[in-house]
Amino acid sequence: MVLDVFMNERYPHSLPGSVEHSSTMIAKKNGYQEAISDLTNKEIDIKKALSRLDAKYWRALIQSSEVDSAMSGKQQDEWRLMLEKGDVPAFDMETVTATLMSWNMLRAEAFVDRIIAVWDAVSKEHVSNANSHFQKSFILSDCKYPHEVLNELRSVVSIIEGKEPMSRDRMGSNQLLNDVERLGRFGQWIWVDGNALAIKFHKKGTLHAKVNAVVAAKMNDVLAMRFMDAIPGPSRDVKRASRKENAEVIQSKEDCLAFNDVEALGNIVRAHSSHTIRALRQKGFCKENIGYLYNTSNENRTPVVLDVMEWLGAESIEVGGEHLCWRSDVDIFDVLAEIRIRGALPNVKSYQFYPSKGQIGERAADIFWSHVEDAESKRYCEPNGGHGDLAQYLPKDRTKVVELSPVNAAILKAKGFDVHCGDFLSLPNTEASQFDGILMNPPFHDGAAFAHVTEALTRLRAGGVLVAIVPSSARARVQKAWGMCAHITHTETISEAFAGVNVSVEIMTVIVNE
């Protein structure tokens, strides 16, 4: 019966209809000796089959033990090649136990190897590099595709800071380069991996890097495990380094994303199949909406991806199967690239990101326009842009939006705003930064609301209007400082104005005297 099934698959139109004929008779009658030979004469390569089975179990052991995270790039390549060829030791209790013990003992040595791999890539041609130790800033050479050295550097820094190392497939830095190229960032300093380090790519293959002073000292300390006499003592003094922390490397704190979550965000692509497009249209998809497809099966989907897309304002749409789609009114592909580059999202407390959504934003906008008579010559500003919840009430073609977070700035650019990415307090005070109206929701911590409102008032033209959502204490300080040269009013105290934050605010209006 098995042979009947086989021959029906191979010769579907030649078998007689009667199932009573034996398979052998059918074969002889119709000349199927070749088919019988295929089944009876083909030898199974038992050794090869067992090698493949051993390789399968070794691969599972490496993944479950996560030992590859401690391997250098060279060691990972060696094991990857062995697994691909099936050229691995027998998977028995004695060999596995001995190998695991060996791996465990070599973890420290493997970490040293990773740092040495980075050290070996430090350019000998650039005189700014020290020839005996890592500095806070250094230049790597030969960092072209697939950027294995950059993977090692990112993993080393991550491990030193107590985070996870680069993922085992080591594709993260390739994705990073693609995103840098997409956003046109060659030759520019960019902060990556949650501000763990700053890097600057050059197309000729060199890579400039900046790390925290303490990280550099720890890298030197590990390097000294192999080259004790060659590494200067002061360069590996962690306490000394912590006292001389490089202020430039300390950025606003962000919520770091795990490497696997960053790579998962790289699986979000534009919906293009006809089936998906039809499903999206049935759900309301049209030219004004841009569809995105998360191209990974359900078991590999990370919750962070779902949270990030929701945070970006994309609407989740179930279209069936293993894929998940989103619909967005703006093209957020560049925003996703920015998030992947930075490896982080803006920390709510650090960036004081409390969106002016719903009634509080609408009310502030209504008050603003009740005092402003718009004209084509008038220019406006939102000094703390966020996602544009207040800026949306201002004319885009005549509004400057300032935003500290690069990720939020990318979102604002995707929405079509004229964006300056930086601190509003450091914005150059030129004619281009003088406005007829300012609508704002400043940060509240440590007197920041008063500082931002004061800075905004210096940028208002005579007769200009400022409307700000502020705590009562900041409004009182503004009244005391500006009461003689401006007309100031405010609403009643509004409780629970922002979701998840127990803070009371007022909407303050300031009209500068002409």
Protein backbone atom coordinates (compact mmCIF):
# COMPACT_ATOMS: atom_id res chain seq x y z
CA MET A 1 0.00 0.00 0.00
CA VAL A 2 2.89 2.35 0.73
CA LEU A 3 4.29 1.65 -2.73
CA ASP A 4 0.84 2.37 -4.23
CA VAL A 5 0.87 5.81 -2.67
CA PHE A 6 4.46 6.45 -3.80
CA MET A 7 3.82 5.46 -7.41
CA ASN A 8 0.56 7.37 -7.56
CA GLU A 9 2.50 10.49 -6.57
CA ARG A 10 5.27 9.83 -9.11
CA TYR A 11 3.17 8.38 -11.95
CA PRO A 12 -0.39 9.60 -11.25
CA HIS A 13 -1.89 8.74 -14.64
CA SER A 14 -0.50 5.21 -15.10
CA LEU A 15 -1.97 3.18 -12.23
CA PRO A 16 -4.99 0.99 -13.03
CA GLY A 17 -8.22 1.74 -11.21
CA SER A 18 -8.46 -1.59 -9.36
CA VAL A 19 -6.84 -1.51 -5.92
CA GLU A 20 -6.83 -5.34 -5.89
CA HIS A 21 -3.71 -5.51 -8.08
CA SER A 22 -0.57 -5.95 -6.04
CA SER A 23 2.01 -3.20 -6.20
CA THR A 24 4.58 -5.61 -7.63
CA MET A 25 2.31 -6.71 -10.47
CA ILE A 26 1.50 -3.10 -11.30
CA ALA A 27 5.17 -2.26 -11.38
CA LYS A 28 6.05 -5.18 -13.66
CA LYS A 29 3.10 -4.65 -15.97
CA ASN A 30 3.76 -0.94 -16.42
CA GLY A 31 7.57 -1.00 -16.29
CA TYR A 32 8.12 0.57 -12.87
CA GLN A 33 11.29 -1.33 -11.99
CA GLU A 34 13.06 2.04 -11.62
CA ALA A 35 10.54 3.09 -9.03
CA ILE A 36 11.06 -0.10 -7.02
CA SER A 37 14.81 0.37 -7.30
CA ASP A 38 14.48 3.88 -5.87
CA LEU A 39 12.95 2.42 -2.72
CA THR A 40 15.03 -0.71 -2.25
CA ASN A 41 18.52 0.12 -3.47
CA LYS A 42 19.13 3.65 -2.11
CA GLU A 43 21.42 3.52 0.93
CA ILE A 44 20.97 5.84 3.91
CA ASP A 45 24.12 7.68 4.98
CA ILE A 46 23.79 6.90 8.69
CA LYS A 47 26.96 8.77 9.67
CA LYS A 48 25.82 11.93 7.92
CA ALA A 49 22.34 11.70 9.42
CA LEU A 50 23.75 11.31 12.94
CA SER A 51 26.12 14.26 12.40
CA ARG A 52 23.18 16.44 11.41
CA LEU A 53 21.29 15.28 14.48
CA ASP A 54 24.30 16.07 16.70
CA ALA A 55 24.57 19.53 15.12
CA LYS A 56 20.88 20.16 15.79
CA TYR A 57 21.29 19.35 19.49
CA TRP A 58 24.51 21.38 19.81
CA ARG A 59 22.75 24.37 18.25
CA ALA A 60 19.88 24.02 20.74
CA LEU A 61 22.34 23.74 23.64
CA ILE A 62 24.24 26.86 22.58
CA GLN A 63 21.01 28.84 22.31
CA SER A 64 19.53 27.62 25.60
CA SER A 65 22.77 28.16 27.55
CA GLU A 66 23.32 31.56 25.87
CA VAL A 67 27.03 30.81 25.87
CA ASP A 68 27.37 32.44 22.46
CA SER A 69 26.76 35.82 24.09
CA ALA A 70 30.13 35.46 25.81
CA MET A 71 31.94 34.24 22.69
CA SER A 72 34.05 36.51 20.56
CA GLY A 73 33.04 37.02 16.95
CA LYS A 74 35.78 34.61 15.86
CA GLN A 75 34.53 31.89 18.23
CA GLN A 76 30.95 32.38 17.08
CA ASP A 77 32.07 32.05 13.45
CA GLU A 78 33.98 28.85 14.23
CA TRP A 79 30.96 27.22 15.86
CA ARG A 80 28.62 28.49 13.16
CA LEU A 81 30.79 26.89 10.48
CA MET A 82 31.00 23.62 12.42
CA LEU A 83 27.22 23.53 12.80
CA GLU A 84 26.63 24.27 9.13
CA LYS A 85 28.98 21.47 8.04
CA GLY A 86 27.78 19.06 10.72
CA ASP A 87 31.41 18.75 11.81
CA VAL A 88 30.69 18.65 15.54
CA PRO A 89 31.60 16.30 18.42
CA ALA A 90 29.21 13.49 19.30
CA PHE A 91 26.35 14.73 21.46
CA ASP A 92 26.75 12.40 24.43
CA MET A 93 26.71 13.00 28.17
CA GLU A 94 30.49 12.92 28.63
CA THR A 95 31.24 15.29 25.74
CA VAL A 96 28.42 17.70 26.57
CA THR A 97 29.41 17.90 30.26
CA ALA A 98 33.06 18.50 29.43
CA THR A 99 32.19 21.12 26.81
CA LEU A 100 29.84 23.01 29.14
CA MET A 101 32.49 23.09 31.86
CA SER A 102 35.02 24.33 29.32
CA TRP A 103 32.65 27.05 28.10
CA ASN A 104 31.97 28.16 31.65
CA MET A 105 35.69 28.44 32.43
CA LEU A 106 36.33 30.32 29.20
CA ARG A 107 33.64 32.98 29.69
CA ALA A 108 36.09 35.45 31.20
CA GLU A 109 38.69 34.65 28.55
CA ALA A 110 36.09 35.06 25.81
CA PHE A 111 35.20 38.52 27.13
CA VAL A 112 38.88 39.48 27.07
CA ASP A 113 39.04 38.22 23.48
CA ARG A 114 36.15 40.50 22.53
CA ILE A 115 37.92 43.56 23.93
CA ILE A 116 41.15 42.55 22.20
CA ALA A 117 39.21 42.27 18.93
CA VAL A 118 38.14 45.90 19.39
CA TRP A 119 41.67 46.93 20.35
CA ASP A 120 43.11 45.26 17.26
CA ALA A 121 40.75 47.35 15.13
CA VAL A 122 41.89 50.66 16.65
CA SER A 123 43.49 52.56 13.79
CA LYS A 124 47.27 52.79 13.95
CA GLU A 125 47.28 55.54 11.30
CA HIS A 126 45.41 58.18 13.31
CA VAL A 127 47.70 60.05 15.68
CA SER A 128 44.77 60.95 17.96
CA ASN A 129 44.58 57.31 19.06
CA ALA A 130 46.70 56.27 22.03
CA ASN A 131 49.01 53.35 21.25
CA SER A 132 48.81 51.80 24.71
CA HIS A 133 45.20 52.03 25.90
CA PHE A 134 41.60 52.97 25.09
CA GLN A 135 40.72 56.64 25.39
CA LYS A 136 37.19 58.03 25.72
CA SER A 137 37.37 58.78 22.00
CA PHE A 138 39.07 56.53 19.48
CA ILE A 139 38.97 55.64 15.79
CA LEU A 140 38.44 52.15 14.38
CA SER A 141 39.45 51.16 10.87
CA ASP A 142 38.12 48.50 8.46
CA CYS A 143 34.57 48.65 9.80
CA LYS A 144 32.93 47.83 6.51
CA TYR A 145 30.11 45.27 6.13
CA PRO A 146 29.30 43.19 8.18
CA HIS A 147 30.67 45.42 10.95
CA GLU A 148 31.80 42.63 13.20
CA VAL A 149 34.12 44.96 15.12
CA LEU A 150 31.26 47.35 15.81
CA ASN A 151 29.18 44.43 17.08
CA GLU A 152 32.02 43.55 19.44
CA LEU A 153 32.33 47.15 20.65
CA ARG A 154 28.59 47.48 21.27
CA SER A 155 28.50 44.13 23.08
CA VAL A 156 31.50 45.00 25.25
CA VAL A 157 30.03 48.36 26.27
CA SER A 158 26.65 46.74 26.94
CA ILE A 159 28.16 44.02 29.14
CA ILE A 160 30.27 46.54 31.09
CA GLU A 161 27.12 48.58 31.77
CA GLY A 162 25.33 45.46 33.02
CA LYS A 163 23.06 45.00 30.02
CA GLU A 164 22.67 42.19 27.52
CA PRO A 165 25.29 41.72 24.77
CA MET A 166 24.64 41.91 21.04
CA SER A 167 22.27 39.20 19.78
CA ARG A 168 23.72 35.93 18.53
CA ASP A 169 23.00 36.45 14.83
CA ARG A 170 25.16 39.60 14.94
CA MET A 171 23.10 41.41 12.32
CA GLY A 172 22.31 44.42 14.50
CA SER A 173 25.15 46.60 13.23
CA ASN A 174 24.22 45.88 9.63
CA GLN A 175 20.74 47.18 10.40
CA LEU A 176 22.32 50.17 12.14
CA LEU A 177 24.33 51.06 9.05
CA ASN A 178 21.24 50.71 6.84
CA ASP A 179 19.37 53.12 9.10
CA VAL A 180 22.28 55.58 9.17
CA GLU A 181 22.35 55.51 5.37
CA ARG A 182 18.56 55.87 5.18
CA LEU A 183 18.62 58.99 7.35
CA GLY A 184 21.74 60.44 5.70
CA ARG A 185 23.79 60.39 8.91
CA PHE A 186 27.23 59.51 7.50
CA GLY A 187 29.82 61.86 8.97
CA GLN A 188 27.56 62.83 11.88
CA TRP A 189 27.82 61.89 15.54
CA ILE A 190 24.92 59.68 16.59
CA TRP A 191 24.09 58.23 19.99
CA VAL A 192 23.29 54.52 19.95
CA ASP A 193 22.16 51.78 22.33
CA GLY A 194 20.41 54.09 24.77
CA ASN A 195 23.24 56.65 24.80
CA ALA A 196 25.75 53.98 25.78
CA LEU A 197 28.16 55.30 23.16
CA ALA A 198 28.38 57.77 20.31
CA ILE A 199 29.63 56.79 16.87
CA LYS A 200 30.36 58.51 13.59
CA PHE A 201 30.50 56.50 10.37
CA HIS A 202 32.57 57.45 7.36
CA LYS A 203 31.93 55.83 3.98
CA LYS A 204 35.61 54.96 3.56
CA GLY A 205 35.23 52.46 6.41
CA THR A 206 36.55 54.28 9.47
CA LEU A 207 34.45 54.63 12.59
CA HIS A 208 34.86 57.25 15.31
CA ALA A 209 33.61 56.24 18.76
CA LYS A 210 33.05 57.94 22.12
CA VAL A 211 32.44 56.01 25.31
CA ASN A 212 31.93 56.92 28.93
CA ALA A 213 35.22 57.53 30.78
CA VAL A 214 34.41 54.73 33.23
CA VAL A 215 33.70 52.31 30.38
CA ALA A 216 37.07 53.15 28.80
CA ALA A 217 38.83 52.55 32.14
CA LYS A 218 37.10 49.17 32.57
CA MET A 219 38.02 48.15 29.02
CA ASN A 220 41.65 48.99 29.81
CA ASP A 221 41.44 47.07 33.08
CA VAL A 222 40.26 43.97 31.23
CA LEU A 223 42.90 44.49 28.54
CA ALA A 224 45.52 44.46 31.28
CA MET A 225 44.58 40.85 32.07
CA ARG A 226 46.56 39.92 28.97
CA PHE A 227 48.98 42.85 28.70
CA MET A 228 49.60 43.95 32.29
CA ASP A 229 52.91 45.73 31.67
CA ALA A 230 51.72 47.47 28.50
CA ILE A 231 48.60 49.19 29.89
CA PRO A 232 49.28 52.38 31.92
CA GLY A 233 47.90 52.21 35.45
CA PRO A 234 46.04 55.56 35.39
CA SER A 235 44.17 54.56 32.21
CA ARG A 236 42.51 51.65 34.05
CA ASP A 237 41.76 53.47 37.30
CA VAL A 238 37.95 53.32 37.42
CA LYS A 239 37.62 55.60 40.48
CA ARG A 240 39.79 58.23 38.83
CA ALA A 241 37.75 57.95 35.64
CA SER A 242 34.46 58.37 37.51
CA ARG A 243 35.73 61.65 38.95
CA LYS A 244 36.62 62.90 35.48
CA GLU A 245 33.45 61.75 33.79
CA ASN A 246 33.10 63.22 30.32
CA ALA A 247 30.07 65.50 30.55
CA GLU A 248 29.56 65.28 26.79
CA VAL A 249 28.82 61.57 27.04
CA ILE A 250 26.11 62.09 29.64
CA GLN A 251 22.85 62.67 27.80
CA SER A 252 19.24 62.77 28.95
CA LYS A 253 18.34 59.35 30.25
CA GLU A 254 16.26 57.21 27.94
CA ASP A 255 14.41 53.92 28.24
CA CYS A 256 16.77 51.45 26.60
CA LEU A 257 15.45 48.72 24.32
CA ALA A 258 16.90 45.22 24.32
CA PHE A 259 18.91 44.30 21.22
CA ASN A 260 16.36 41.65 20.22
CA ASP A 261 13.56 44.24 20.43
CA VAL A 262 15.53 46.65 18.24
CA GLU A 263 16.07 43.91 15.68
CA ALA A 264 12.38 42.97 15.87
CA LEU A 265 11.51 46.56 14.96
CA GLY A 266 13.58 46.00 11.82
CA ASN A 267 11.02 43.41 10.70
CA ILE A 268 8.34 46.06 10.25
CA VAL A 269 7.94 46.61 6.51
CA ARG A 270 5.40 48.24 4.26
CA ALA A 271 2.38 46.12 3.43
CA HIS A 272 2.68 45.18 -0.25
CA SER A 273 0.95 41.85 -0.94
CA SER A 274 -2.44 42.02 -2.67
CA HIS A 275 -4.01 39.87 0.06
CA THR A 276 -2.80 42.21 2.80
CA ILE A 277 -3.80 45.34 0.91
CA ARG A 278 -7.31 43.94 0.33
CA ALA A 279 -7.62 43.08 4.01
CA LEU A 280 -6.46 46.57 4.97
CA ARG A 281 -8.94 48.22 2.60
CA GLN A 282 -11.74 46.19 4.11
CA LYS A 283 -10.65 47.60 7.47
CA GLY A 284 -10.59 51.18 6.18
CA PHE A 285 -7.19 51.35 4.50
CA CYS A 286 -6.88 54.01 1.81
CA LYS A 287 -4.23 56.20 0.16
CA GLU A 288 -4.31 58.59 3.10
CA ASN A 289 -3.38 55.75 5.45
CA ILE A 290 -0.04 53.98 5.27
CA GLY A 291 -0.02 50.26 6.08
CA TYR A 292 2.80 48.48 7.90
CA LEU A 293 3.28 44.75 8.22
CA TYR A 294 5.15 43.13 11.07
CA ASN A 295 6.79 40.35 9.12
CA THR A 296 7.43 37.81 11.88
CA SER A 297 5.39 34.86 13.11
CA ASN A 298 3.46 35.20 16.36
CA GLU A 299 5.88 33.17 18.48
CA ASN A 300 8.73 35.58 17.63
CA ARG A 301 6.73 38.76 18.16
CA THR A 302 7.95 40.84 21.09
CA PRO A 303 5.54 42.84 23.27
CA VAL A 304 7.84 45.86 22.94
CA VAL A 305 7.08 46.07 19.21
CA LEU A 306 3.37 46.33 19.97
CA ASP A 307 4.02 48.99 22.61
CA VAL A 308 6.28 51.04 20.32
CA MET A 309 3.77 51.06 17.47
CA GLU A 310 0.98 52.09 19.86
CA TRP A 311 3.23 54.84 21.26
CA LEU A 312 3.77 56.08 17.70
CA GLY A 313 0.02 56.33 17.23
CA ALA A 314 -0.31 53.46 14.74
CA GLU A 315 -3.59 51.54 14.81
CA SER A 316 -3.34 47.76 15.07
CA ILE A 317 -5.35 45.80 12.50
CA GLU A 318 -5.85 42.02 12.53
CA VAL A 319 -5.76 40.70 8.96
CA GLY A 320 -5.56 36.99 9.71
CA GLY A 321 -2.66 34.56 9.57
CA GLU A 322 0.62 35.03 11.39
CA HIS A 323 1.09 38.66 10.44
CA LEU A 324 -0.01 41.81 12.19
CA CYS A 325 -0.64 45.09 10.41
CA TRP A 326 -0.85 48.68 11.51
CA ARG A 327 -2.40 51.70 9.90
CA SER A 328 -0.85 55.11 10.35
CA ASP A 329 -1.87 58.51 9.03
CA VAL A 330 1.79 59.51 8.66
CA ASP A 331 4.86 57.74 7.31
CA ILE A 332 6.75 56.65 10.42
CA PHE A 333 9.47 54.60 8.68
CA ASP A 334 12.13 57.24 9.39
CA VAL A 335 10.93 57.36 13.00
CA LEU A 336 11.40 53.60 13.33
CA ALA A 337 14.91 54.00 11.89
CA GLU A 338 15.65 56.70 14.50
CA ILE A 339 14.41 54.44 17.30
CA ARG A 340 16.53 51.53 16.06
CA ILE A 341 19.62 53.76 15.84
CA ARG A 342 19.19 55.13 19.35
CA GLY A 343 18.06 51.80 20.80
CA ALA A 344 15.80 53.68 23.18
CA LEU A 345 12.63 55.66 23.64
CA PRO A 346 12.47 59.05 25.39
CA ASN A 347 12.24 58.63 29.15
CA VAL A 348 9.05 60.32 30.34
CA LYS A 349 10.59 61.90 33.45
CA SER A 350 13.91 62.84 31.85
CA TYR A 351 12.29 64.57 28.88
CA GLN A 352 9.22 65.65 30.91
CA PHE A 353 7.05 64.17 28.16
CA TYR A 354 3.46 64.60 29.30
CA PRO A 355 1.34 65.05 26.14
CA SER A 356 -1.34 67.75 26.03
CA LYS A 357 -3.98 65.40 24.69
CA GLY A 358 -7.73 65.79 24.86
CA GLN A 359 -9.53 68.61 26.63
CA ILE A 360 -6.50 70.34 28.17
CA GLY A 361 -4.88 70.81 24.76
CA GLU A 362 -8.10 71.88 23.05
CA ARG A 363 -8.85 74.38 25.78
CA ALA A 364 -5.36 75.89 25.62
CA ALA A 365 -5.68 76.23 21.83
CA ASP A 366 -9.13 77.86 22.13
CA ILE A 367 -7.77 80.42 24.60
CA PHE A 368 -4.79 81.09 22.32
CA TRP A 369 -6.89 81.81 19.23
CA SER A 370 -9.33 83.92 21.23
CA HIS A 371 -6.45 86.41 21.68
CA VAL A 372 -4.71 86.04 18.31
CA GLU A 373 -5.90 87.43 15.01
CA ASP A 374 -4.10 85.29 12.46
CA ALA A 375 -2.42 86.73 9.37
CA GLU A 376 -0.07 85.37 6.70
CA SER A 377 2.77 87.46 8.11
CA LYS A 378 2.51 85.99 11.61
CA ARG A 379 4.81 83.25 12.87
CA TYR A 380 4.27 80.88 15.77
CA CYS A 381 6.21 78.50 17.98
CA GLU A 382 5.70 75.42 20.14
CA PRO A 383 8.88 75.19 22.27
CA ASN A 384 8.29 71.67 23.65
CA GLY A 385 6.86 69.77 20.69
CA GLY A 386 6.45 66.20 21.97
CA HIS A 387 4.27 64.47 19.40
CA GLY A 388 2.64 67.69 18.23
CA ASP A 389 -0.45 67.60 20.43
CA LEU A 390 -0.39 71.41 20.81
CA ALA A 391 1.41 72.22 17.56
CA GLN A 392 -1.43 70.65 15.58
CA TYR A 393 -3.55 73.71 16.42
CA LEU A 394 -1.02 76.06 14.78
CA PRO A 395 -0.51 76.64 11.02
CA LYS A 396 2.27 74.23 9.96
CA ASP A 397 3.73 76.48 7.28
CA ARG A 398 4.37 79.30 9.79
CA THR A 399 5.20 77.39 12.96
CA LYS A 400 8.59 76.45 14.41
CA VAL A 401 8.47 73.40 16.68
CA VAL A 402 11.36 72.79 19.07
CA GLU A 403 11.91 69.34 20.57
CA LEU A 404 14.76 67.96 22.69
CA SER A 405 14.26 64.25 21.96
CA PRO A 406 15.56 63.11 18.54
CA VAL A 407 12.89 60.41 18.38
CA ASN A 408 10.07 62.86 19.08
CA ALA A 409 11.65 65.28 16.60
CA ALA A 410 11.52 62.54 13.95
CA ILE A 411 7.82 62.01 14.70
CA LEU A 412 7.16 65.74 14.30
CA LYS A 413 9.05 65.82 10.99
CA ALA A 414 6.98 62.86 9.77
CA LYS A 415 3.88 64.91 10.57
CA GLY A 416 5.14 67.75 8.41
CA PHE A 417 6.31 70.25 11.04
CA ASP A 418 9.33 72.56 10.75
CA VAL A 419 11.39 71.10 13.60
CA HIS A 420 14.49 72.23 15.47
CA CYS A 421 15.91 69.30 17.45
CA GLY A 422 17.53 70.68 20.58
CA ASP A 423 16.96 72.44 23.88
CA PHE A 424 14.66 75.45 23.59
CA LEU A 425 16.73 77.28 26.20
CA SER A 426 19.74 77.04 23.85
CA LEU A 427 17.92 78.11 20.68
CA PRO A 428 19.83 81.03 19.07
CA ASN A 429 17.95 84.28 19.72
CA THR A 430 17.81 85.70 16.21
CA GLU A 431 15.12 87.37 14.14
CA ALA A 432 14.14 83.93 12.87
CA SER A 433 13.37 82.93 16.46
CA GLN A 434 11.03 85.87 17.15
CA PHE A 435 7.34 84.98 17.11
CA ASP A 436 3.88 86.53 17.24
CA GLY A 437 2.41 83.69 19.27
CA ILE A 438 3.66 80.82 21.41
CA LEU A 439 1.56 77.87 22.57
CA MET A 440 3.40 75.63 25.02
CA ASN A 441 3.37 72.91 27.65
CA PRO A 442 6.82 73.29 29.29
CA PRO A 443 8.57 70.77 31.56
CA PHE A 444 7.68 71.20 35.24
CA HIS A 445 10.58 69.76 37.27
CA ASP A 446 13.11 71.89 39.19
CA GLY A 447 11.65 75.22 38.13
CA ALA A 448 11.91 74.37 34.43
CA ALA A 449 8.42 75.72 33.69
CA PHE A 450 9.38 79.24 34.81
CA ALA A 451 12.69 79.08 32.91
CA HIS A 452 11.02 77.96 29.68
CA VAL A 453 8.20 80.50 29.90
CA THR A 454 10.69 83.29 30.63
CA GLU A 455 12.78 82.28 27.61
CA ALA A 456 9.65 82.13 25.47
CA LEU A 457 8.59 85.63 26.52
CA THR A 458 11.95 87.04 25.36
CA ARG A 459 11.13 85.67 21.91
CA LEU A 460 7.69 87.30 21.62
CA ARG A 461 7.29 90.37 19.46
CA ALA A 462 5.49 93.40 20.93
CA GLY A 463 1.82 92.58 21.25
CA GLY A 464 2.59 88.87 21.03
CA VAL A 465 0.56 86.24 22.87
CA LEU A 466 1.82 83.33 24.94
CA VAL A 467 -0.48 80.60 26.26
CA ALA A 468 1.13 78.00 28.50
CA ILE A 469 0.00 75.04 30.59
CA VAL A 470 1.89 75.51 33.87
CA PRO A 471 1.73 74.66 37.58
CA SER A 472 0.37 77.41 39.85
CA SER A 473 3.81 78.08 41.36
CA ALA A 474 5.30 78.87 37.93
CA ARG A 475 2.38 81.16 37.06
CA ALA A 476 2.89 83.10 40.29
CA ARG A 477 6.59 83.59 39.52
CA VAL A 478 5.81 84.77 35.98
CA GLN A 479 3.28 87.28 37.30
CA LYS A 480 5.84 88.65 39.74
CA ALA A 481 8.59 88.94 37.12
CA TRP A 482 6.54 90.11 34.12
CA GLY A 483 3.47 91.75 35.62
CA MET A 484 4.70 95.28 34.86
CA CYS A 485 5.34 94.71 31.14
CA ALA A 486 2.60 92.26 30.20
CA HIS A 487 -1.06 91.49 30.80
CA ILE A 488 -1.33 88.11 32.53
CA THR A 489 -4.46 86.03 33.18
CA HIS A 490 -5.05 82.39 34.06
CA THR A 491 -7.78 79.78 34.37
CA GLU A 492 -8.89 77.97 37.48
CA THR A 493 -6.74 75.12 38.77
CA ILE A 494 -7.20 71.97 36.67
CA SER A 495 -6.61 68.63 38.39
CA GLU A 496 -5.41 65.40 36.73
CA ALA A 497 -4.72 67.18 33.46
CA PHE A 498 -2.25 64.50 32.31
CA ALA A 499 -2.85 60.76 32.29
CA GLY A 500 -0.97 58.89 35.00
CA VAL A 501 0.39 62.04 36.68
CA ASN A 502 -0.99 63.58 39.87
CA VAL A 503 -0.38 67.24 39.04
CA SER A 504 -2.60 70.33 39.00
CA VAL A 505 -2.10 73.03 36.38
CA GLU A 506 -3.44 76.31 35.10
CA ILE A 507 -3.63 77.67 31.58
CA MET A 508 -1.82 81.01 31.68
CA THR A 509 -2.14 83.75 29.05
CA VAL A 510 0.52 86.44 28.70
CA ILE A 511 0.09 89.37 26.28
CA VAL A 512 3.25 91.45 25.93
CA ASN A 513 2.70 95.22 26.04
CA GLU A 514 3.23 97.03 22.76
